[in-house]
């Protein structure tokens, strides 16, 4: 079984030391760097856009996992891909023409992800799961880092894993929000593939060692 991926979330980093924080990620066993793009409309916060991502891309040796928490993401897919996004994830709740948007992401050359807010059931993706490279389950309400993990996410992961196996799809399950050493084992056993860790990594006394500890867990879920 392939090892799970760890994607530190830059939202929790110290932006006054951005190059140093990215260098920590480069030196760590992290697989991706997770970047949250927020527009102040879809979520009640504003972060950064493609110009910052372009700068990060020049410094970061890991693939960029770009999570668009924005309305009308279809207008910006090509720009984020050009800025260096390896994975582009859009929200189900923000995409009235989701099938079209997924294929737009794929045509740009990026992996196509769909994120679901905590209140959105996984069943909404049943008719499209085979086209999606990644499903990001929000385990906190999107908009701010450092929130408490919503434990209803665990059975949600199991339902999504069943759906993926039933469709014989290669889709990865990503968990975003409140992830740390305290719940990693439960998330992996439920069927998660990619863990986004923000405060638990960048708030640690030794972020590189924390990533190694998150990576060291074994995956034992049953297909």
N, C-alpha and C. Protein backbone atom coordinates (compact mmCIF):
# COMPACT_ATOMS: atom_id res chain seq x y z
N UNK A 1 0.85 -1.20 0.00
CA UNK A 1 0.00 0.00 0.00
C UNK A 1 0.88 1.25 0.00
N UNK A 2 0.55 2.20 -0.86
CA UNK A 2 1.36 3.41 -0.96
C UNK A 2 1.25 4.23 0.33
N UNK A 3 2.37 4.82 0.71
CA UNK A 3 2.42 5.64 1.93
C UNK A 3 1.52 6.88 1.78
N UNK A 4 0.91 7.27 2.88
CA UNK A 4 0.08 8.48 2.86
C UNK A 4 0.96 9.72 2.67
N UNK A 5 0.33 10.78 2.21
CA UNK A 5 1.03 12.04 1.95
C UNK A 5 0.76 13.04 3.08
N UNK A 6 1.77 13.85 3.38
CA UNK A 6 1.63 14.94 4.35
C UNK A 6 1.82 16.26 3.60
N UNK A 7 0.86 17.18 3.80
CA UNK A 7 0.90 18.48 3.12
C UNK A 7 0.81 19.60 4.16
N UNK A 8 1.95 20.10 4.65
CA UNK A 8 1.89 21.23 5.59
C UNK A 8 1.16 22.42 4.97
N UNK A 9 0.34 23.07 5.78
CA UNK A 9 -0.45 24.20 5.30
C UNK A 9 0.26 25.51 5.62
N UNK A 10 0.62 26.24 4.59
CA UNK A 10 1.40 27.47 4.76
C UNK A 10 0.62 28.55 5.51
N UNK A 11 -0.69 28.43 5.58
CA UNK A 11 -1.52 29.41 6.29
C UNK A 11 -1.08 29.56 7.74
N UNK A 12 -0.52 28.48 8.31
CA UNK A 12 -0.11 28.49 9.72
C UNK A 12 1.34 28.94 9.90
N UNK A 13 2.02 29.24 8.81
CA UNK A 13 3.44 29.64 8.88
C UNK A 13 3.58 31.09 9.33
N UNK A 14 4.80 31.45 9.67
CA UNK A 14 5.13 32.84 10.01
C UNK A 14 5.50 33.55 8.71
N UNK A 15 4.62 34.43 8.23
CA UNK A 15 4.83 35.06 6.93
C UNK A 15 5.93 36.12 6.96
N UNK A 16 6.43 36.47 8.13
CA UNK A 16 7.59 37.37 8.19
C UNK A 16 8.88 36.59 7.94
N UNK A 17 8.77 35.26 7.96
CA UNK A 17 9.93 34.38 7.73
C UNK A 17 9.59 33.36 6.64
N UNK A 18 8.94 33.82 5.60
CA UNK A 18 8.37 32.89 4.61
C UNK A 18 9.42 31.99 3.97
N UNK A 19 10.54 32.54 3.55
CA UNK A 19 11.55 31.71 2.89
C UNK A 19 12.12 30.67 3.85
N UNK A 20 12.27 31.04 5.11
CA UNK A 20 12.76 30.10 6.13
C UNK A 20 11.76 28.98 6.37
N UNK A 21 10.48 29.33 6.44
CA UNK A 21 9.42 28.34 6.66
C UNK A 21 9.34 27.37 5.48
N UNK A 22 9.47 27.90 4.27
CA UNK A 22 9.43 27.02 3.09
C UNK A 22 10.66 26.12 3.05
N UNK A 23 11.80 26.63 3.49
CA UNK A 23 13.02 25.82 3.56
C UNK A 23 12.85 24.66 4.54
N UNK A 24 12.11 24.89 5.64
CA UNK A 24 11.80 23.80 6.57
C UNK A 24 11.01 22.70 5.87
N UNK A 25 10.03 23.12 5.07
CA UNK A 25 9.22 22.15 4.31
C UNK A 25 10.10 21.40 3.32
N UNK A 26 10.98 22.11 2.64
CA UNK A 26 11.90 21.48 1.68
C UNK A 26 12.75 20.40 2.35
N UNK A 27 13.20 20.66 3.58
CA UNK A 27 14.08 19.72 4.30
C UNK A 27 13.32 18.56 4.93
N UNK A 28 12.01 18.71 5.02
CA UNK A 28 11.19 17.70 5.71
C UNK A 28 10.76 16.58 4.76
N UNK A 29 10.06 15.60 5.32
CA UNK A 29 9.51 14.50 4.53
C UNK A 29 8.15 14.84 3.93
N UNK A 30 7.77 16.11 3.99
CA UNK A 30 6.47 16.53 3.42
C UNK A 30 6.42 16.18 1.94
N UNK A 31 5.22 15.81 1.49
CA UNK A 31 5.04 15.45 0.08
C UNK A 31 4.60 16.64 -0.76
N UNK A 32 3.70 17.45 -0.20
CA UNK A 32 3.18 18.63 -0.89
C UNK A 32 3.24 19.81 0.07
N UNK A 33 3.09 21.01 -0.48
CA UNK A 33 2.85 22.21 0.33
C UNK A 33 1.44 22.69 0.01
N UNK A 34 0.61 22.80 1.05
CA UNK A 34 -0.80 23.16 0.88
C UNK A 34 -0.96 24.68 0.99
N UNK A 35 -1.62 25.26 -0.01
CA UNK A 35 -1.80 26.71 -0.07
C UNK A 35 -3.29 27.06 -0.13
N UNK A 36 -3.78 27.79 0.85
CA UNK A 36 -5.19 28.17 0.93
C UNK A 36 -5.40 29.56 0.33
N UNK A 37 -6.15 29.60 -0.75
CA UNK A 37 -6.48 30.87 -1.40
C UNK A 37 -7.90 31.25 -1.00
N UNK A 38 -8.05 32.38 -0.30
CA UNK A 38 -9.37 32.81 0.19
C UNK A 38 -9.68 34.21 -0.33
N UNK A 39 -10.94 34.42 -0.70
CA UNK A 39 -11.32 35.66 -1.38
C UNK A 39 -12.16 36.62 -0.55
N UNK A 40 -12.49 36.26 0.68
CA UNK A 40 -13.33 37.13 1.50
C UNK A 40 -14.80 37.09 1.11
N UNK A 41 -15.14 36.25 0.15
CA UNK A 41 -16.54 36.12 -0.30
C UNK A 41 -17.05 34.70 -0.03
N UNK A 42 -16.36 33.72 -0.55
CA UNK A 42 -16.76 32.34 -0.27
C UNK A 42 -16.50 31.99 1.20
N UNK A 43 -15.40 32.51 1.73
CA UNK A 43 -15.07 32.36 3.16
C UNK A 43 -14.78 33.74 3.75
N UNK A 44 -14.95 33.91 5.07
CA UNK A 44 -14.79 35.24 5.67
C UNK A 44 -13.33 35.58 5.98
N UNK A 45 -12.47 35.43 5.00
CA UNK A 45 -11.06 35.75 5.20
C UNK A 45 -10.44 35.98 3.83
N UNK A 46 -9.35 36.72 3.78
CA UNK A 46 -8.61 36.95 2.54
C UNK A 46 -7.16 36.55 2.80
N UNK A 47 -6.58 35.77 1.88
CA UNK A 47 -5.18 35.34 2.09
C UNK A 47 -4.29 35.89 0.97
N UNK A 48 -4.03 35.11 -0.04
CA UNK A 48 -3.11 35.51 -1.10
C UNK A 48 -3.56 34.92 -2.43
N UNK A 49 -2.97 35.42 -3.50
CA UNK A 49 -3.35 34.96 -4.83
C UNK A 49 -2.18 34.41 -5.62
N UNK A 50 -2.31 34.45 -6.94
CA UNK A 50 -1.33 33.77 -7.80
C UNK A 50 0.06 34.40 -7.78
N UNK A 51 0.16 35.70 -7.47
CA UNK A 51 1.49 36.33 -7.46
C UNK A 51 2.34 35.77 -6.31
N UNK A 52 1.71 35.59 -5.14
CA UNK A 52 2.41 35.01 -4.00
C UNK A 52 2.74 33.55 -4.29
N UNK A 53 1.81 32.83 -4.91
CA UNK A 53 2.04 31.42 -5.24
C UNK A 53 3.21 31.28 -6.22
N UNK A 54 3.29 32.20 -7.16
CA UNK A 54 4.40 32.19 -8.11
C UNK A 54 5.73 32.35 -7.38
N UNK A 55 5.78 33.24 -6.40
CA UNK A 55 7.00 33.43 -5.59
C UNK A 55 7.31 32.19 -4.76
N UNK A 56 6.28 31.59 -4.17
CA UNK A 56 6.45 30.37 -3.37
C UNK A 56 6.98 29.24 -4.25
N UNK A 57 6.46 29.14 -5.46
CA UNK A 57 6.86 28.09 -6.40
C UNK A 57 8.36 28.15 -6.69
N UNK A 58 8.91 29.35 -6.72
CA UNK A 58 10.35 29.52 -6.99
C UNK A 58 11.20 29.02 -5.82
N UNK A 59 10.63 29.05 -4.60
CA UNK A 59 11.38 28.65 -3.41
C UNK A 59 11.13 27.20 -3.01
N UNK A 60 9.94 26.68 -3.32
CA UNK A 60 9.52 25.38 -2.80
C UNK A 60 9.89 24.24 -3.74
N UNK A 61 10.47 23.19 -3.18
CA UNK A 61 10.86 22.01 -3.96
C UNK A 61 9.75 20.96 -3.98
N UNK A 62 8.68 21.18 -3.24
CA UNK A 62 7.56 20.23 -3.19
C UNK A 62 6.45 20.69 -4.13
N UNK A 63 5.64 19.75 -4.65
CA UNK A 63 4.48 20.14 -5.44
C UNK A 63 3.52 21.01 -4.63
N UNK A 64 2.91 22.00 -5.28
CA UNK A 64 2.00 22.92 -4.61
C UNK A 64 0.56 22.43 -4.74
N UNK A 65 -0.06 22.25 -3.58
CA UNK A 65 -1.44 21.78 -3.46
C UNK A 65 -2.30 23.01 -3.18
N UNK A 66 -2.92 23.56 -4.22
CA UNK A 66 -3.60 24.85 -4.13
C UNK A 66 -5.10 24.65 -3.94
N UNK A 67 -5.61 25.13 -2.82
CA UNK A 67 -7.01 24.97 -2.41
C UNK A 67 -7.73 26.31 -2.60
N UNK A 68 -8.59 26.37 -3.60
CA UNK A 68 -9.28 27.62 -3.93
C UNK A 68 -10.59 27.72 -3.15
N UNK A 69 -10.58 28.52 -2.10
CA UNK A 69 -11.80 28.80 -1.32
C UNK A 69 -12.35 30.12 -1.84
N UNK A 70 -12.77 30.08 -3.10
CA UNK A 70 -13.19 31.31 -3.77
C UNK A 70 -14.44 31.06 -4.61
N UNK A 71 -15.19 32.13 -4.89
CA UNK A 71 -16.31 32.03 -5.82
C UNK A 71 -15.76 32.14 -7.24
N UNK A 72 -16.47 31.58 -8.18
CA UNK A 72 -16.11 31.59 -9.59
C UNK A 72 -14.65 31.17 -9.84
N UNK A 73 -14.23 30.03 -9.30
CA UNK A 73 -12.84 29.59 -9.46
C UNK A 73 -12.46 29.33 -10.92
N UNK A 74 -13.47 29.03 -11.74
CA UNK A 74 -13.20 28.72 -13.15
C UNK A 74 -12.52 29.87 -13.89
N UNK A 75 -12.67 31.08 -13.38
CA UNK A 75 -12.05 32.25 -14.02
C UNK A 75 -10.52 32.29 -13.84
N UNK A 76 -10.03 31.51 -12.86
CA UNK A 76 -8.63 31.66 -12.46
C UNK A 76 -7.81 30.37 -12.57
N UNK A 77 -8.40 29.30 -13.06
CA UNK A 77 -7.73 27.99 -13.11
C UNK A 77 -6.38 28.08 -13.83
N UNK A 78 -6.41 28.61 -15.05
CA UNK A 78 -5.18 28.66 -15.86
C UNK A 78 -4.12 29.54 -15.19
N UNK A 79 -4.54 30.63 -14.55
CA UNK A 79 -3.58 31.52 -13.89
C UNK A 79 -2.90 30.83 -12.71
N UNK A 80 -3.66 30.05 -11.93
CA UNK A 80 -3.05 29.35 -10.80
C UNK A 80 -2.15 28.22 -11.28
N UNK A 81 -2.53 27.56 -12.35
CA UNK A 81 -1.67 26.53 -12.92
C UNK A 81 -0.36 27.15 -13.41
N UNK A 82 -0.46 28.27 -14.08
CA UNK A 82 0.72 28.96 -14.59
C UNK A 82 1.62 29.43 -13.44
N UNK A 83 1.00 29.78 -12.31
CA UNK A 83 1.76 30.23 -11.14
C UNK A 83 2.51 29.09 -10.46
N UNK A 84 2.15 27.84 -10.79
CA UNK A 84 2.88 26.70 -10.24
C UNK A 84 2.07 25.65 -9.52
N UNK A 85 0.75 25.74 -9.57
CA UNK A 85 -0.10 24.75 -8.88
C UNK A 85 0.02 23.37 -9.51
N UNK A 86 0.27 22.37 -8.67
CA UNK A 86 0.32 20.97 -9.12
C UNK A 86 -1.05 20.32 -8.95
N UNK A 87 -1.71 20.65 -7.84
CA UNK A 87 -3.09 20.22 -7.56
C UNK A 87 -3.93 21.49 -7.43
N UNK A 88 -5.08 21.52 -8.09
CA UNK A 88 -6.01 22.64 -7.93
C UNK A 88 -7.33 22.07 -7.43
N UNK A 89 -7.72 22.51 -6.24
CA UNK A 89 -8.96 22.04 -5.62
C UNK A 89 -9.97 23.17 -5.55
N UNK A 90 -11.18 22.90 -6.04
CA UNK A 90 -12.28 23.87 -5.98
C UNK A 90 -13.35 23.32 -5.05
N UNK A 91 -14.21 24.20 -4.57
CA UNK A 91 -15.28 23.77 -3.66
C UNK A 91 -16.53 23.38 -4.45
N UNK A 92 -17.08 22.25 -4.07
CA UNK A 92 -18.38 21.81 -4.63
C UNK A 92 -19.41 22.93 -4.48
N UNK A 93 -19.41 23.58 -3.33
CA UNK A 93 -20.42 24.59 -3.01
C UNK A 93 -20.27 25.85 -3.87
N UNK A 94 -19.10 26.02 -4.51
CA UNK A 94 -18.84 27.23 -5.31
C UNK A 94 -18.95 26.98 -6.82
N UNK A 95 -19.26 25.74 -7.19
CA UNK A 95 -19.22 25.37 -8.62
C UNK A 95 -20.56 24.83 -9.12
N UNK A 96 -21.38 25.68 -9.74
CA UNK A 96 -22.64 25.18 -10.29
C UNK A 96 -22.44 24.24 -11.48
N UNK A 97 -21.28 24.35 -12.15
CA UNK A 97 -20.97 23.48 -13.29
C UNK A 97 -19.69 22.71 -12.96
N UNK A 98 -19.78 21.86 -11.93
CA UNK A 98 -18.60 21.20 -11.38
C UNK A 98 -17.90 20.31 -12.39
N UNK A 99 -18.66 19.54 -13.16
CA UNK A 99 -18.06 18.63 -14.15
C UNK A 99 -17.18 19.42 -15.12
N UNK A 100 -17.69 20.55 -15.59
CA UNK A 100 -16.95 21.39 -16.52
C UNK A 100 -15.68 21.94 -15.87
N UNK A 101 -15.78 22.36 -14.60
CA UNK A 101 -14.63 22.94 -13.90
C UNK A 101 -13.55 21.89 -13.66
N UNK A 102 -13.96 20.68 -13.31
CA UNK A 102 -12.99 19.59 -13.12
C UNK A 102 -12.20 19.34 -14.40
N UNK A 103 -12.91 19.30 -15.51
CA UNK A 103 -12.22 19.04 -16.78
C UNK A 103 -11.36 20.23 -17.21
N UNK A 104 -11.76 21.41 -16.83
CA UNK A 104 -10.94 22.60 -17.08
C UNK A 104 -9.61 22.49 -16.33
N UNK A 105 -9.67 22.02 -15.08
CA UNK A 105 -8.44 21.84 -14.29
C UNK A 105 -7.55 20.78 -14.93
N UNK A 106 -8.14 19.67 -15.33
CA UNK A 106 -7.37 18.59 -15.96
C UNK A 106 -6.71 19.07 -17.26
N UNK A 107 -7.45 19.83 -18.04
CA UNK A 107 -6.91 20.34 -19.30
C UNK A 107 -5.76 21.32 -19.07
N UNK A 108 -5.72 21.96 -17.90
CA UNK A 108 -4.62 22.87 -17.59
C UNK A 108 -3.33 22.11 -17.27
N UNK A 109 -3.47 20.80 -16.99
CA UNK A 109 -2.32 19.98 -16.64
C UNK A 109 -2.18 19.70 -15.16
N UNK A 110 -3.07 20.26 -14.35
CA UNK A 110 -3.04 20.02 -12.90
C UNK A 110 -3.92 18.84 -12.52
N UNK A 111 -3.70 18.29 -11.33
CA UNK A 111 -4.62 17.31 -10.77
C UNK A 111 -5.86 18.06 -10.29
N UNK A 112 -7.03 17.45 -10.47
CA UNK A 112 -8.29 18.12 -10.15
C UNK A 112 -8.86 17.64 -8.83
N UNK A 113 -9.03 18.58 -7.89
CA UNK A 113 -9.60 18.25 -6.60
C UNK A 113 -10.92 18.96 -6.37
N UNK A 114 -11.77 18.33 -5.55
CA UNK A 114 -13.03 18.94 -5.12
C UNK A 114 -13.08 18.90 -3.60
N UNK A 115 -13.36 20.05 -2.99
CA UNK A 115 -13.47 20.15 -1.53
C UNK A 115 -14.93 20.19 -1.12
N UNK A 116 -15.21 19.56 0.02
CA UNK A 116 -16.56 19.57 0.60
C UNK A 116 -16.52 20.21 1.98
N UNK A 117 -17.41 21.16 2.22
CA UNK A 117 -17.56 21.74 3.55
C UNK A 117 -18.09 20.70 4.54
N UNK A 118 -17.92 20.92 5.85
CA UNK A 118 -18.35 19.91 6.83
C UNK A 118 -19.80 19.47 6.71
N UNK A 119 -20.70 20.38 6.27
CA UNK A 119 -22.13 20.03 6.21
C UNK A 119 -22.51 19.34 4.89
N UNK A 120 -21.60 19.23 3.94
CA UNK A 120 -21.93 18.67 2.62
C UNK A 120 -21.67 17.17 2.60
N UNK A 121 -22.69 16.35 2.29
CA UNK A 121 -22.49 14.90 2.28
C UNK A 121 -21.66 14.44 1.08
N UNK A 122 -20.90 13.38 1.27
CA UNK A 122 -20.04 12.88 0.18
C UNK A 122 -20.84 12.36 -1.00
N UNK A 123 -22.09 12.00 -0.77
CA UNK A 123 -22.92 11.42 -1.85
C UNK A 123 -23.10 12.38 -3.03
N UNK A 124 -22.89 13.67 -2.81
CA UNK A 124 -23.07 14.63 -3.91
C UNK A 124 -22.06 14.40 -5.03
N UNK A 125 -20.98 13.67 -4.73
CA UNK A 125 -19.94 13.42 -5.74
C UNK A 125 -20.07 12.06 -6.43
N UNK A 126 -21.14 11.34 -6.12
CA UNK A 126 -21.29 9.97 -6.61
C UNK A 126 -21.22 9.87 -8.13
N UNK A 127 -21.82 10.83 -8.83
CA UNK A 127 -21.87 10.76 -10.29
C UNK A 127 -20.63 11.32 -10.98
N UNK A 128 -19.68 11.80 -10.19
CA UNK A 128 -18.51 12.45 -10.79
C UNK A 128 -17.19 11.92 -10.22
N UNK A 129 -17.26 11.01 -9.25
CA UNK A 129 -16.08 10.59 -8.51
C UNK A 129 -14.98 10.03 -9.41
N UNK A 130 -15.35 9.37 -10.50
CA UNK A 130 -14.34 8.78 -11.38
C UNK A 130 -13.50 9.84 -12.10
N UNK A 131 -14.00 11.06 -12.19
CA UNK A 131 -13.28 12.13 -12.88
C UNK A 131 -12.41 12.96 -11.95
N UNK A 132 -12.54 12.72 -10.65
CA UNK A 132 -11.87 13.57 -9.65
C UNK A 132 -10.59 12.89 -9.17
N UNK A 133 -9.48 13.63 -9.17
CA UNK A 133 -8.20 13.08 -8.69
C UNK A 133 -8.11 13.08 -7.18
N UNK A 134 -8.81 14.04 -6.55
CA UNK A 134 -8.70 14.20 -5.10
C UNK A 134 -9.99 14.80 -4.55
N UNK A 135 -10.42 14.29 -3.40
CA UNK A 135 -11.53 14.92 -2.66
C UNK A 135 -10.98 15.41 -1.33
N UNK A 136 -11.13 16.70 -1.08
CA UNK A 136 -10.68 17.30 0.17
C UNK A 136 -11.87 17.46 1.10
N UNK A 137 -11.87 16.70 2.18
CA UNK A 137 -12.93 16.82 3.19
C UNK A 137 -12.50 17.86 4.23
N UNK A 138 -13.27 18.92 4.33
CA UNK A 138 -12.98 19.94 5.34
C UNK A 138 -13.40 19.40 6.71
N UNK A 139 -12.43 19.31 7.61
CA UNK A 139 -12.71 18.81 8.96
C UNK A 139 -12.77 19.95 9.97
N UNK A 140 -12.81 21.19 9.44
CA UNK A 140 -13.16 22.40 10.19
C UNK A 140 -13.97 23.26 9.23
N UNK A 141 -14.59 24.31 9.72
CA UNK A 141 -15.28 25.23 8.82
C UNK A 141 -14.23 26.09 8.11
N UNK A 142 -14.28 26.16 6.79
CA UNK A 142 -13.21 26.85 6.06
C UNK A 142 -13.17 28.35 6.33
N UNK A 143 -11.96 28.88 6.29
CA UNK A 143 -11.80 30.32 6.45
C UNK A 143 -10.67 30.72 7.37
N UNK A 144 -10.42 29.91 8.42
CA UNK A 144 -9.38 30.25 9.38
C UNK A 144 -8.64 29.00 9.83
N UNK A 145 -7.35 29.14 10.09
CA UNK A 145 -6.56 28.04 10.61
C UNK A 145 -6.73 27.90 12.12
N UNK A 146 -6.20 26.80 12.66
CA UNK A 146 -6.16 26.61 14.11
C UNK A 146 -7.46 26.21 14.76
N UNK A 147 -8.45 25.74 13.97
CA UNK A 147 -9.74 25.34 14.56
C UNK A 147 -9.71 23.89 15.04
N UNK A 148 -10.70 23.54 15.86
CA UNK A 148 -10.79 22.17 16.38
C UNK A 148 -11.36 21.23 15.32
N UNK A 149 -10.82 20.03 15.30
CA UNK A 149 -11.22 18.99 14.37
C UNK A 149 -12.67 18.56 14.61
N UNK A 150 -13.45 18.41 13.55
CA UNK A 150 -14.84 17.95 13.63
C UNK A 150 -14.84 16.43 13.45
N UNK A 151 -15.17 15.70 14.51
CA UNK A 151 -15.01 14.23 14.48
C UNK A 151 -16.02 13.51 13.61
N UNK A 152 -17.08 14.18 13.18
CA UNK A 152 -18.01 13.58 12.23
C UNK A 152 -17.31 13.30 10.89
N UNK A 153 -16.13 13.88 10.72
CA UNK A 153 -15.36 13.65 9.50
C UNK A 153 -14.94 12.19 9.36
N UNK A 154 -14.73 11.49 10.47
CA UNK A 154 -14.25 10.09 10.42
C UNK A 154 -15.23 9.18 9.68
N UNK A 155 -16.53 9.11 10.07
CA UNK A 155 -17.46 8.29 9.30
C UNK A 155 -17.63 8.78 7.87
N UNK A 156 -17.44 10.08 7.65
CA UNK A 156 -17.54 10.65 6.31
C UNK A 156 -16.42 10.10 5.40
N UNK A 157 -15.23 9.96 5.98
CA UNK A 157 -14.11 9.38 5.23
C UNK A 157 -14.46 7.95 4.82
N UNK A 158 -15.02 7.19 5.75
CA UNK A 158 -15.35 5.78 5.45
C UNK A 158 -16.36 5.69 4.31
N UNK A 159 -17.38 6.55 4.35
CA UNK A 159 -18.39 6.56 3.27
C UNK A 159 -17.75 6.89 1.93
N UNK A 160 -16.87 7.89 1.93
CA UNK A 160 -16.20 8.30 0.70
C UNK A 160 -15.30 7.19 0.19
N UNK A 161 -14.58 6.51 1.09
CA UNK A 161 -13.71 5.40 0.68
C UNK A 161 -14.53 4.30 0.02
N UNK A 162 -15.69 3.98 0.58
CA UNK A 162 -16.57 2.97 -0.01
C UNK A 162 -17.00 3.38 -1.41
N UNK A 163 -17.33 4.65 -1.58
CA UNK A 163 -17.76 5.16 -2.89
C UNK A 163 -16.63 5.03 -3.92
N UNK A 164 -15.41 5.37 -3.51
CA UNK A 164 -14.25 5.33 -4.40
C UNK A 164 -13.95 3.89 -4.80
N UNK A 165 -13.96 2.99 -3.83
CA UNK A 165 -13.69 1.57 -4.11
C UNK A 165 -14.77 0.99 -5.03
N UNK A 166 -16.02 1.34 -4.76
CA UNK A 166 -17.14 0.86 -5.57
C UNK A 166 -17.02 1.30 -7.03
N UNK A 167 -16.51 2.53 -7.23
CA UNK A 167 -16.35 3.07 -8.58
C UNK A 167 -15.01 2.65 -9.21
N UNK A 168 -14.17 1.96 -8.41
CA UNK A 168 -12.83 1.57 -8.86
C UNK A 168 -12.06 2.80 -9.35
N UNK A 169 -12.19 3.89 -8.61
CA UNK A 169 -11.57 5.17 -8.98
C UNK A 169 -10.23 5.33 -8.25
N UNK A 170 -9.30 6.06 -8.84
CA UNK A 170 -7.98 6.28 -8.21
C UNK A 170 -7.97 7.50 -7.28
N UNK A 171 -9.13 8.04 -6.97
CA UNK A 171 -9.28 9.29 -6.22
C UNK A 171 -8.62 9.23 -4.84
N UNK A 172 -7.86 10.27 -4.51
CA UNK A 172 -7.25 10.40 -3.18
C UNK A 172 -8.21 11.13 -2.25
N UNK A 173 -8.17 10.77 -0.96
CA UNK A 173 -8.96 11.46 0.06
C UNK A 173 -8.01 12.32 0.89
N UNK A 174 -8.27 13.63 0.88
CA UNK A 174 -7.45 14.58 1.64
C UNK A 174 -8.28 15.13 2.81
N UNK A 175 -7.65 15.28 3.96
CA UNK A 175 -8.33 15.83 5.14
C UNK A 175 -7.66 17.15 5.50
N UNK A 176 -8.48 18.19 5.67
CA UNK A 176 -7.95 19.53 5.88
C UNK A 176 -8.64 20.18 7.08
N UNK A 177 -7.86 20.38 8.17
CA UNK A 177 -8.37 21.10 9.33
C UNK A 177 -8.24 20.34 10.63
N UNK A 178 -7.49 20.87 11.56
CA UNK A 178 -7.37 20.25 12.88
C UNK A 178 -6.62 18.94 12.90
N UNK A 179 -5.79 18.70 11.90
CA UNK A 179 -5.05 17.44 11.81
C UNK A 179 -3.75 17.54 12.61
N UNK A 180 -3.47 16.50 13.39
CA UNK A 180 -2.24 16.46 14.18
C UNK A 180 -1.93 15.04 14.60
N UNK A 181 -0.92 14.88 15.43
CA UNK A 181 -0.51 13.55 15.88
C UNK A 181 -1.63 12.85 16.64
N UNK A 182 -2.54 13.63 17.24
CA UNK A 182 -3.60 13.06 18.08
C UNK A 182 -4.68 12.33 17.27
N UNK A 183 -4.85 12.66 15.99
CA UNK A 183 -5.92 12.00 15.23
C UNK A 183 -5.45 11.38 13.91
N UNK A 184 -4.15 11.44 13.63
CA UNK A 184 -3.63 10.91 12.36
C UNK A 184 -3.96 9.43 12.18
N UNK A 185 -3.74 8.62 13.21
CA UNK A 185 -3.98 7.18 13.09
C UNK A 185 -5.44 6.90 12.74
N UNK A 186 -6.37 7.57 13.42
CA UNK A 186 -7.80 7.36 13.15
C UNK A 186 -8.16 7.77 11.72
N UNK A 187 -7.57 8.86 11.23
CA UNK A 187 -7.85 9.33 9.87
C UNK A 187 -7.35 8.33 8.84
N UNK A 188 -6.15 7.80 9.06
CA UNK A 188 -5.58 6.84 8.11
C UNK A 188 -6.36 5.53 8.12
N UNK A 189 -6.77 5.09 9.28
CA UNK A 189 -7.54 3.84 9.37
C UNK A 189 -8.90 3.98 8.71
N UNK A 190 -9.46 5.18 8.75
CA UNK A 190 -10.77 5.42 8.10
C UNK A 190 -10.64 5.44 6.58
N UNK A 191 -9.43 5.74 6.08
CA UNK A 191 -9.23 5.71 4.63
C UNK A 191 -8.61 6.93 4.00
N UNK A 192 -8.05 7.84 4.82
CA UNK A 192 -7.45 9.06 4.28
C UNK A 192 -6.13 8.76 3.57
N UNK A 193 -5.83 9.55 2.54
CA UNK A 193 -4.59 9.41 1.78
C UNK A 193 -3.64 10.58 1.98
N UNK A 194 -4.20 11.78 2.15
CA UNK A 194 -3.41 13.01 2.24
C UNK A 194 -3.87 13.79 3.47
N UNK A 195 -2.92 14.17 4.32
CA UNK A 195 -3.26 14.91 5.53
C UNK A 195 -2.66 16.31 5.45
N UNK A 196 -3.52 17.31 5.54
CA UNK A 196 -3.09 18.71 5.57
C UNK A 196 -2.89 19.08 7.04
N UNK A 197 -1.69 19.50 7.38
CA UNK A 197 -1.38 19.84 8.77
C UNK A 197 -0.79 21.24 8.83
N UNK A 198 -1.48 22.14 9.53
CA UNK A 198 -1.04 23.52 9.61
C UNK A 198 -0.38 23.84 10.93
N UNK A 199 -1.19 24.19 11.94
CA UNK A 199 -0.68 24.58 13.26
C UNK A 199 0.17 23.48 13.89
N UNK A 200 -0.21 22.21 13.67
CA UNK A 200 0.52 21.10 14.29
C UNK A 200 1.94 20.98 13.75
N UNK A 201 2.18 21.48 12.54
CA UNK A 201 3.54 21.47 11.97
C UNK A 201 4.25 22.79 12.26
N UNK A 202 3.70 23.91 11.79
CA UNK A 202 4.38 25.19 11.91
C UNK A 202 4.39 25.73 13.34
N UNK A 203 3.48 25.23 14.18
CA UNK A 203 3.47 25.64 15.59
C UNK A 203 4.33 24.76 16.47
N UNK A 204 4.93 23.71 15.88
CA UNK A 204 5.75 22.77 16.64
C UNK A 204 7.14 23.35 16.88
N UNK A 205 7.80 22.90 17.96
CA UNK A 205 9.16 23.34 18.24
C UNK A 205 10.12 22.83 17.18
N UNK A 206 9.80 21.67 16.59
CA UNK A 206 10.62 21.09 15.53
C UNK A 206 9.69 20.63 14.39
N UNK A 207 9.36 21.51 13.44
CA UNK A 207 8.44 21.16 12.37
C UNK A 207 8.91 19.97 11.52
N UNK A 208 10.21 19.87 11.27
CA UNK A 208 10.73 18.77 10.45
C UNK A 208 10.49 17.43 11.15
N UNK A 209 10.74 17.38 12.44
CA UNK A 209 10.50 16.15 13.22
C UNK A 209 9.01 15.82 13.29
N UNK A 210 8.17 16.86 13.37
CA UNK A 210 6.72 16.63 13.42
C UNK A 210 6.21 16.03 12.12
N UNK A 211 6.70 16.54 10.99
CA UNK A 211 6.33 15.96 9.70
C UNK A 211 6.77 14.49 9.64
N UNK A 212 7.98 14.20 10.12
CA UNK A 212 8.48 12.82 10.13
C UNK A 212 7.58 11.93 10.98
N UNK A 213 7.12 12.45 12.13
CA UNK A 213 6.24 11.68 13.01
C UNK A 213 4.88 11.43 12.36
N UNK A 214 4.34 12.44 11.65
CA UNK A 214 3.07 12.28 10.94
C UNK A 214 3.21 11.26 9.81
N UNK A 215 4.37 11.27 9.18
CA UNK A 215 4.63 10.37 8.05
C UNK A 215 4.85 8.93 8.52
N UNK A 216 5.28 8.76 9.76
CA UNK A 216 5.66 7.44 10.27
C UNK A 216 4.47 6.53 10.59
N UNK A 217 3.27 7.10 10.70
CA UNK A 217 2.09 6.28 10.99
C UNK A 217 1.86 5.27 9.87
N UNK A 218 1.31 4.12 10.24
CA UNK A 218 0.99 3.07 9.24
C UNK A 218 -0.46 3.19 8.82
N UNK A 219 -0.71 2.86 7.56
CA UNK A 219 -2.09 2.83 7.04
C UNK A 219 -2.58 1.40 7.08
N UNK A 220 -3.73 1.18 7.70
CA UNK A 220 -4.24 -0.18 7.84
C UNK A 220 -5.70 -0.34 7.44
N UNK A 221 -6.24 0.64 6.72
CA UNK A 221 -7.67 0.53 6.42
C UNK A 221 -7.90 -0.61 5.43
N UNK A 222 -9.11 -1.17 5.52
CA UNK A 222 -9.49 -2.28 4.64
C UNK A 222 -10.30 -1.75 3.48
N UNK A 223 -9.93 -2.14 2.26
CA UNK A 223 -10.70 -1.71 1.07
C UNK A 223 -11.99 -2.51 1.01
